[in-house]
Amino acid sequence: ENAHVMALIVRGVETLSKVGHDDCTILMRDGHASGKSVKHMHYNIIPGGLIQDISLDTGTRKLLNKKEEASLIKELKKII
């Protein structure tokens, strides 16, 4: 399983690089403190920037509308 997860992470980093993100942070979250309702472990690939305190709330996430989502999916399918 680890080899498959690492392959997915590498693919994600390569894809981010193709859309202009040459720097990223890979974050693995596990445990009760992350506020999960179902116990699991997950990874985040965060493009750009320096993460100084991963517990810091960096603000509200931008949600894509349906048109923006469709456009992004189309762009990523071309790259992948």
PDB file of N, CA and C in Angstrom:
ATOM      1  N   GLU A   1       0.811  -1.188   0.000  1.00  0.00           N
ATOM      2  CA  GLU A   1       0.000   0.000   0.000  1.00  0.00           C
ATOM      3  C   GLU A   1       0.856   1.255   0.000  1.00  0.00           C
ATOM      4  N   ASN A   2       1.940   1.231   0.765  1.00  0.00           N
ATOM      5  CA  ASN A   2       2.802   2.404   0.841  1.00  0.00           C
ATOM      6  C   ASN A   2       3.356   2.781  -0.532  1.00  0.00           C
ATOM      7  N   ALA A   3       3.769   1.783  -1.299  1.00  0.00           N
ATOM      8  CA  ALA A   3       4.308   2.058  -2.637  1.00  0.00           C
ATOM      9  C   ALA A   3       3.255   2.707  -3.527  1.00  0.00           C
ATOM     10  N   HIS A   4       2.007   2.259  -3.416  1.00  0.00           N
ATOM     11  CA  HIS A   4       0.928   2.844  -4.217  1.00  0.00           C
ATOM     12  C   HIS A   4       0.631   4.275  -3.781  1.00  0.00           C
ATOM     13  N   VAL A   5       0.612   4.506  -2.473  1.00  0.00           N
ATOM     14  CA  VAL A   5       0.380   5.865  -1.963  1.00  0.00           C
ATOM     15  C   VAL A   5       1.494   6.793  -2.425  1.00  0.00           C
ATOM     16  N   MET A   6       2.745   6.338  -2.313  1.00  0.00           N
ATOM     17  CA  MET A   6       3.870   7.172  -2.741  1.00  0.00           C
ATOM     18  C   MET A   6       3.802   7.463  -4.241  1.00  0.00           C
ATOM     19  N   ALA A   7       3.378   6.490  -5.037  1.00  0.00           N
ATOM     20  CA  ALA A   7       3.232   6.710  -6.482  1.00  0.00           C
ATOM     21  C   ALA A   7       2.172   7.775  -6.757  1.00  0.00           C
ATOM     22  N   LEU A   8       1.082   7.757  -6.000  1.00  0.00           N
ATOM     23  CA  LEU A   8       0.044   8.771  -6.161  1.00  0.00           C
ATOM     24  C   LEU A   8       0.544  10.156  -5.766  1.00  0.00           C
ATOM     25  N   ILE A   9       1.324  10.220  -4.694  1.00  0.00           N
ATOM     26  CA  ILE A   9       1.884  11.496  -4.263  1.00  0.00           C
ATOM     27  C   ILE A   9       2.833  12.050  -5.321  1.00  0.00           C
ATOM     28  N   VAL A  10       3.697  11.192  -5.851  1.00  0.00           N
ATOM     29  CA  VAL A  10       4.617  11.621  -6.912  1.00  0.00           C
ATOM     30  C   VAL A  10       3.825  12.136  -8.110  1.00  0.00           C
ATOM     31  N   ARG A  11       2.772  11.430  -8.498  1.00  0.00           N
ATOM     32  CA  ARG A  11       1.932  11.862  -9.625  1.00  0.00           C
ATOM     33  C   ARG A  11       1.283  13.215  -9.346  1.00  0.00           C
ATOM     34  N   GLY A  12       0.834  13.409  -8.112  1.00  0.00           N
ATOM     35  CA  GLY A  12       0.239  14.694  -7.733  1.00  0.00           C
ATOM     36  C   GLY A  12       1.243  15.830  -7.813  1.00  0.00           C
ATOM     37  N   VAL A  13       2.453  15.596  -7.314  1.00  0.00           N
ATOM     38  CA  VAL A  13       3.501  16.614  -7.361  1.00  0.00           C
ATOM     39  C   VAL A  13       3.875  16.929  -8.812  1.00  0.00           C
ATOM     40  N   GLU A  14       3.993  15.906  -9.645  1.00  0.00           N
ATOM     41  CA  GLU A  14       4.301  16.114 -11.073  1.00  0.00           C
ATOM     42  C   GLU A  14       3.204  16.931 -11.749  1.00  0.00           C
ATOM     43  N   THR A  15       1.946  16.644 -11.422  1.00  0.00           N
ATOM     44  CA  THR A  15       0.827  17.377 -12.009  1.00  0.00           C
ATOM     45  C   THR A  15       0.852  18.831 -11.562  1.00  0.00           C
ATOM     46  N   LEU A  16       1.092  19.085 -10.288  1.00  0.00           N
ATOM     47  CA  LEU A  16       1.187  20.458  -9.802  1.00  0.00           C
ATOM     48  C   LEU A  16       2.312  21.212 -10.499  1.00  0.00           C
ATOM     49  N   SER A  17       3.425  20.528 -10.724  1.00  0.00           N
ATOM     50  CA  SER A  17       4.548  21.144 -11.427  1.00  0.00           C
ATOM     51  C   SER A  17       4.147  21.560 -12.842  1.00  0.00           C
ATOM     52  N   LYS A  18       3.370  20.716 -13.509  1.00  0.00           N
ATOM     53  CA  LYS A  18       2.940  21.011 -14.879  1.00  0.00           C
ATOM     54  C   LYS A  18       2.014  22.217 -14.953  1.00  0.00           C
ATOM     55  N   VAL A  19       1.314  22.532 -13.857  1.00  0.00           N
ATOM     56  CA  VAL A  19       0.435  23.712 -13.868  1.00  0.00           C
ATOM     57  C   VAL A  19       1.084  24.905 -13.178  1.00  0.00           C
ATOM     58  N   GLY A  20       2.417  24.817 -12.953  1.00  0.00           N
ATOM     59  CA  GLY A  20       3.163  25.983 -12.498  1.00  0.00           C
ATOM     60  C   GLY A  20       3.511  26.041 -11.021  1.00  0.00           C
ATOM     61  N   HIS A  21       3.304  24.979 -10.271  1.00  0.00           N
ATOM     62  CA  HIS A  21       3.670  24.972  -8.858  1.00  0.00           C
ATOM     63  C   HIS A  21       4.948  24.158  -8.687  1.00  0.00           C
ATOM     64  N   ASP A  22       6.083  24.860  -8.610  1.00  0.00           N
ATOM     65  CA  ASP A  22       7.373  24.178  -8.504  1.00  0.00           C
ATOM     66  C   ASP A  22       7.745  23.840  -7.070  1.00  0.00           C
ATOM     67  N   ASP A  23       6.953  24.312  -6.121  1.00  0.00           N
ATOM     68  CA  ASP A  23       7.234  24.084  -4.711  1.00  0.00           C
ATOM     69  C   ASP A  23       5.957  23.587  -4.048  1.00  0.00           C
ATOM     70  N   CYS A  24       6.059  22.527  -3.259  1.00  0.00           N
ATOM     71  CA  CYS A  24       4.877  22.046  -2.547  1.00  0.00           C
ATOM     72  C   CYS A  24       5.295  21.368  -1.258  1.00  0.00           C
ATOM     73  N   THR A  25       4.319  21.227  -0.374  1.00  0.00           N
ATOM     74  CA  THR A  25       4.516  20.551   0.896  1.00  0.00           C
ATOM     75  C   THR A  25       3.607  19.330   0.930  1.00  0.00           C
ATOM     76  N   ILE A  26       4.132  18.218   1.384  1.00  0.00           N
ATOM     77  CA  ILE A  26       3.327  17.004   1.541  1.00  0.00           C
ATOM     78  C   ILE A  26       3.070  16.836   3.031  1.00  0.00           C
ATOM     79  N   LEU A  27       1.802  16.771   3.386  1.00  0.00           N
ATOM     80  CA  LEU A  27       1.395  16.709   4.785  1.00  0.00           C
ATOM     81  C   LEU A  27       0.565  15.456   5.007  1.00  0.00           C
ATOM     82  N   MET A  28       0.934  14.667   6.014  1.00  0.00           N
ATOM     83  CA  MET A  28       0.162  13.484   6.360  1.00  0.00           C
ATOM     84  C   MET A  28      -0.545  13.777   7.665  1.00  0.00           C
ATOM     85  N   ARG A  29      -1.870  13.546   7.692  1.00  0.00           N
ATOM     86  CA  ARG A  29      -2.661  13.802   8.900  1.00  0.00           C
ATOM     87  C   ARG A  29      -3.217  12.481   9.427  1.00  0.00           C
ATOM     88  N   ASP A  30      -3.129  12.323  10.733  1.00  0.00           N
ATOM     89  CA  ASP A  30      -3.682  11.146  11.385  1.00  0.00           C
ATOM     90  C   ASP A  30      -3.972  11.523  12.829  1.00  0.00           C
ATOM     91  N   GLY A  31      -4.837  10.788  13.465  1.00  0.00           N
ATOM     92  CA  GLY A  31      -5.111  11.027  14.873  1.00  0.00           C
ATOM     93  C   GLY A  31      -6.413  11.765  15.102  1.00  0.00           C
ATOM     94  N   HIS A  32      -6.763  11.905  16.351  1.00  0.00           N
ATOM     95  CA  HIS A  32      -8.050  12.505  16.718  1.00  0.00           C
ATOM     96  C   HIS A  32      -8.038  14.031  16.652  1.00  0.00           C
ATOM     97  N   ALA A  33      -6.887  14.654  16.778  1.00  0.00           N
ATOM     98  CA  ALA A  33      -6.817  16.112  16.837  1.00  0.00           C
ATOM     99  C   ALA A  33      -7.196  16.793  15.532  1.00  0.00           C
ATOM    100  N   SER A  34      -7.209  16.052  14.441  1.00  0.00           N
ATOM    101  CA  SER A  34      -7.511  16.672  13.149  1.00  0.00           C
ATOM    102  C   SER A  34      -9.010  16.831  12.918  1.00  0.00           C
ATOM    103  N   GLY A  35      -9.848  16.442  13.877  1.00  0.00           N
ATOM    104  CA  GLY A  35     -11.274  16.687  13.798  1.00  0.00           C
ATOM    105  C   GLY A  35     -12.050  15.759  12.887  1.00  0.00           C
ATOM    106  N   LYS A  36     -11.540  14.563  12.635  1.00  0.00           N
ATOM    107  CA  LYS A  36     -12.205  13.626  11.733  1.00  0.00           C
ATOM    108  C   LYS A  36     -13.334  12.899  12.449  1.00  0.00           C
ATOM    109  N   SER A  37     -14.428  12.660  11.738  1.00  0.00           N
ATOM    110  CA  SER A  37     -15.530  11.898  12.321  1.00  0.00           C
ATOM    111  C   SER A  37     -15.342  10.398  12.097  1.00  0.00           C
ATOM    112  N   VAL A  38     -14.550  10.017  11.103  1.00  0.00           N
ATOM    113  CA  VAL A  38     -14.235   8.617  10.832  1.00  0.00           C
ATOM    114  C   VAL A  38     -12.712   8.487  10.869  1.00  0.00           C
ATOM    115  N   LYS A  39     -12.224   7.559  11.689  1.00  0.00           N
ATOM    116  CA  LYS A  39     -10.768   7.402  11.830  1.00  0.00           C
ATOM    117  C   LYS A  39     -10.138   6.979  10.501  1.00  0.00           C
ATOM    118  N   HIS A  40      -9.187   7.764  10.049  1.00  0.00           N
ATOM    119  CA  HIS A  40      -8.443   7.465   8.834  1.00  0.00           C
ATOM    120  C   HIS A  40      -7.193   8.346   8.789  1.00  0.00           C
ATOM    121  N   MET A  41      -6.315   8.029   7.887  1.00  0.00           N
ATOM    122  CA  MET A  41      -5.119   8.816   7.638  1.00  0.00           C
ATOM    123  C   MET A  41      -5.241   9.368   6.225  1.00  0.00           C
ATOM    124  N   HIS A  42      -4.793  10.599   6.034  1.00  0.00           N
ATOM    125  CA  HIS A  42      -4.813  11.136   4.680  1.00  0.00           C
ATOM    126  C   HIS A  42      -3.612  12.050   4.454  1.00  0.00           C
ATOM    127  N   TYR A  43      -3.336  12.265   3.188  1.00  0.00           N
ATOM    128  CA  TYR A  43      -2.220  13.108   2.769  1.00  0.00           C
ATOM    129  C   TYR A  43      -2.763  14.337   2.060  1.00  0.00           C
ATOM    130  N   ASN A  44      -2.057  15.445   2.223  1.00  0.00           N
ATOM    131  CA  ASN A  44      -2.346  16.660   1.482  1.00  0.00           C
ATOM    132  C   ASN A  44      -1.101  17.031   0.702  1.00  0.00           C
ATOM    133  N   ILE A  45      -1.281  17.455  -0.527  1.00  0.00           N
ATOM    134  CA  ILE A  45      -0.185  18.015  -1.316  1.00  0.00           C
ATOM    135  C   ILE A  45      -0.541  19.482  -1.478  1.00  0.00           C
ATOM    136  N   ILE A  46       0.197  20.343  -0.800  1.00  0.00           N
ATOM    137  CA  ILE A  46      -0.130  21.756  -0.720  1.00  0.00           C
ATOM    138  C   ILE A  46       0.847  22.532  -1.594  1.00  0.00           C
ATOM    139  N   PRO A  47       0.351  23.143  -2.680  1.00  0.00           N
ATOM    140  CA  PRO A  47       1.250  23.871  -3.581  1.00  0.00           C
ATOM    141  C   PRO A  47       1.696  25.204  -2.995  1.00  0.00           C
ATOM    142  N   GLY A  48       2.983  25.522  -3.223  1.00  0.00           N
ATOM    143  CA  GLY A  48       3.535  26.836  -2.905  1.00  0.00           C
ATOM    144  C   GLY A  48       3.570  27.182  -1.433  1.00  0.00           C
ATOM    145  N   GLY A  49       4.357  28.180  -1.133  1.00  0.00           N
ATOM    146  CA  GLY A  49       4.379  28.750   0.198  1.00  0.00           C
ATOM    147  C   GLY A  49       5.087  27.914   1.238  1.00  0.00           C
ATOM    148  N   LEU A  50       5.293  28.540   2.356  1.00  0.00           N
ATOM    149  CA  LEU A  50       5.953  27.909   3.486  1.00  0.00           C
ATOM    150  C   LEU A  50       4.920  27.698   4.578  1.00  0.00           C
ATOM    151  N   ILE A  51       4.808  26.491   5.074  1.00  0.00           N
ATOM    152  CA  ILE A  51       3.872  26.198   6.155  1.00  0.00           C
ATOM    153  C   ILE A  51       4.673  26.224   7.449  1.00  0.00           C
ATOM    154  N   GLN A  52       4.442  27.256   8.251  1.00  0.00           N
ATOM    155  CA  GLN A  52       5.194  27.389   9.492  1.00  0.00           C
ATOM    156  C   GLN A  52       4.504  26.702  10.655  1.00  0.00           C
ATOM    157  N   ASP A  53       3.183  26.697  10.661  1.00  0.00           N
ATOM    158  CA  ASP A  53       2.437  26.079  11.754  1.00  0.00           C
ATOM    159  C   ASP A  53       1.230  25.388  11.142  1.00  0.00           C
ATOM    160  N   ILE A  54       1.274  24.059  11.032  1.00  0.00           N
ATOM    161  CA  ILE A  54       0.203  23.351  10.345  1.00  0.00           C
ATOM    162  C   ILE A  54      -1.112  23.388  11.096  1.00  0.00           C
ATOM    163  N   SER A  55      -1.102  23.795  12.379  1.00  0.00           N
ATOM    164  CA  SER A  55      -2.350  23.896  13.116  1.00  0.00           C
ATOM    165  C   SER A  55      -3.007  25.254  12.915  1.00  0.00           C
ATOM    166  N   LEU A  56      -2.321  26.164  12.254  1.00  0.00           N
ATOM    167  CA  LEU A  56      -2.828  27.510  12.023  1.00  0.00           C
ATOM    168  C   LEU A  56      -3.938  27.496  10.985  1.00  0.00           C
ATOM    169  N   ASP A  57      -5.068  28.096  11.303  1.00  0.00           N
ATOM    170  CA  ASP A  57      -6.165  28.220  10.347  1.00  0.00           C
ATOM    171  C   ASP A  57      -5.819  29.364   9.407  1.00  0.00           C
ATOM    172  N   THR A  58      -5.586  29.056   8.141  1.00  0.00           N
ATOM    173  CA  THR A  58      -5.150  30.074   7.189  1.00  0.00           C
ATOM    174  C   THR A  58      -6.311  30.777   6.506  1.00  0.00           C
ATOM    175  N   GLY A  59      -7.511  30.562   6.979  1.00  0.00           N
ATOM    176  CA  GLY A  59      -8.647  31.282   6.423  1.00  0.00           C
ATOM    177  C   GLY A  59      -9.623  30.373   5.715  1.00  0.00           C
ATOM    178  N   THR A  60     -10.593  30.998   5.099  1.00  0.00           N
ATOM    179  CA  THR A  60     -11.650  30.284   4.412  1.00  0.00           C
ATOM    180  C   THR A  60     -11.153  29.767   3.074  1.00  0.00           C
ATOM    181  N   ARG A  61     -11.484  28.528   2.769  1.00  0.00           N
ATOM    182  CA  ARG A  61     -11.120  27.950   1.472  1.00  0.00           C
ATOM    183  C   ARG A  61     -12.025  28.513   0.390  1.00  0.00           C
ATOM    184  N   LYS A  62     -11.461  28.696  -0.787  1.00  0.00           N
ATOM    185  CA  LYS A  62     -12.256  29.157  -1.921  1.00  0.00           C
ATOM    186  C   LYS A  62     -12.945  27.955  -2.551  1.00  0.00           C
ATOM    187  N   LEU A  63     -14.243  28.005  -2.640  1.00  0.00           N
ATOM    188  CA  LEU A  63     -14.997  26.947  -3.301  1.00  0.00           C
ATOM    189  C   LEU A  63     -15.199  27.324  -4.759  1.00  0.00           C
ATOM    190  N   LEU A  64     -15.030  26.357  -5.634  1.00  0.00           N
ATOM    191  CA  LEU A  64     -15.236  26.593  -7.066  1.00  0.00           C
ATOM    192  C   LEU A  64     -16.711  26.445  -7.391  1.00  0.00           C
ATOM    193  N   ASN A  65     -17.178  27.297  -8.298  1.00  0.00           N
ATOM    194  CA  ASN A  65     -18.538  27.089  -8.800  1.00  0.00           C
ATOM    195  C   ASN A  65     -18.462  25.992  -9.862  1.00  0.00           C
ATOM    196  N   LYS A  66     -19.616  25.552 -10.344  1.00  0.00           N
ATOM    197  CA  LYS A  66     -19.659  24.428 -11.300  1.00  0.00           C
ATOM    198  C   LYS A  66     -18.850  24.714 -12.559  1.00  0.00           C
ATOM    199  N   LYS A  67     -18.909  25.957 -13.058  1.00  0.00           N
ATOM    200  CA  LYS A  67     -18.180  26.316 -14.272  1.00  0.00           C
ATOM    201  C   LYS A  67     -16.662  26.272 -14.035  1.00  0.00           C
ATOM    202  N   GLU A  68     -16.204  26.817 -12.891  1.00  0.00           N
ATOM    203  CA  GLU A  68     -14.783  26.792 -12.557  1.00  0.00           C
ATOM    204  C   GLU A  68     -14.295  25.359 -12.356  1.00  0.00           C
ATOM    205  N   GLU A  69     -15.128  24.557 -11.704  1.00  0.00           N
ATOM    206  CA  GLU A  69     -14.779  23.156 -11.474  1.00  0.00           C
ATOM    207  C   GLU A  69     -14.635  22.397 -12.791  1.00  0.00           C
ATOM    208  N   ALA A  70     -15.580  22.585 -13.696  1.00  0.00           N
ATOM    209  CA  ALA A  70     -15.531  21.907 -14.998  1.00  0.00           C
ATOM    210  C   ALA A  70     -14.296  22.342 -15.788  1.00  0.00           C
ATOM    211  N   SER A  71     -13.970  23.633 -15.725  1.00  0.00           N
ATOM    212  CA  SER A  71     -12.804  24.150 -16.432  1.00  0.00           C
ATOM    213  C   SER A  71     -11.514  23.558 -15.874  1.00  0.00           C
ATOM    214  N   LEU A  72     -11.405  23.477 -14.553  1.00  0.00           N
ATOM    215  CA  LEU A  72     -10.219  22.915 -13.926  1.00  0.00           C
ATOM    216  C   LEU A  72     -10.074  21.432 -14.253  1.00  0.00           C
ATOM    217  N   ILE A  73     -11.158  20.691 -14.202  1.00  0.00           N
ATOM    218  CA  ILE A  73     -11.121  19.266 -14.535  1.00  0.00           C
ATOM    219  C   ILE A  73     -10.668  19.067 -15.976  1.00  0.00           C
ATOM    220  N   LYS A  74     -11.184  19.889 -16.887  1.00  0.00           N
ATOM    221  CA  LYS A  74     -10.790  19.793 -18.301  1.00  0.00           C
ATOM    222  C   LYS A  74      -9.291  20.064 -18.465  1.00  0.00           C
ATOM    223  N   GLU A  75      -8.789  21.091 -17.776  1.00  0.00           N
ATOM    224  CA  GLU A  75      -7.367  21.439 -17.850  1.00  0.00           C
ATOM    225  C   GLU A  75      -6.497  20.307 -17.293  1.00  0.00           C
ATOM    226  N   LEU A  76      -6.888  19.755 -16.153  1.00  0.00           N
ATOM    227  CA  LEU A  76      -6.108  18.681 -15.550  1.00  0.00           C
ATOM    228  C   LEU A  76      -6.128  17.406 -16.376  1.00  0.00           C
ATOM    229  N   LYS A  77      -7.246  17.109 -17.026  1.00  0.00           N
ATOM    230  CA  LYS A  77      -7.303  15.917 -17.879  1.00  0.00           C
ATOM    231  C   LYS A  77      -6.338  16.029 -19.044  1.00  0.00           C
ATOM    232  N   LYS A  78      -6.149  17.235 -19.573  1.00  0.00           N
ATOM    233  CA  LYS A  78      -5.180  17.434 -20.645  1.00  0.00           C
ATOM    234  C   LYS A  78      -3.763  17.153 -20.163  1.00  0.00           C
ATOM    235  N   ILE A  79      -3.480  17.559 -18.936  1.00  0.00           N
ATOM    236  CA  ILE A  79      -2.137  17.414 -18.383  1.00  0.00           C
ATOM    237  C   ILE A  79      -1.856  15.975 -17.986  1.00  0.00           C
ATOM    238  N   ILE A  80      -2.829  15.345 -17.347  1.00  0.00           N
ATOM    239  CA  ILE A  80      -2.625  13.998 -16.841  1.00  0.00           C
ATOM    240  C   ILE A  80      -2.727  13.027 -17.988  1.00  0.00           C
TER     241      ILE A  80
END
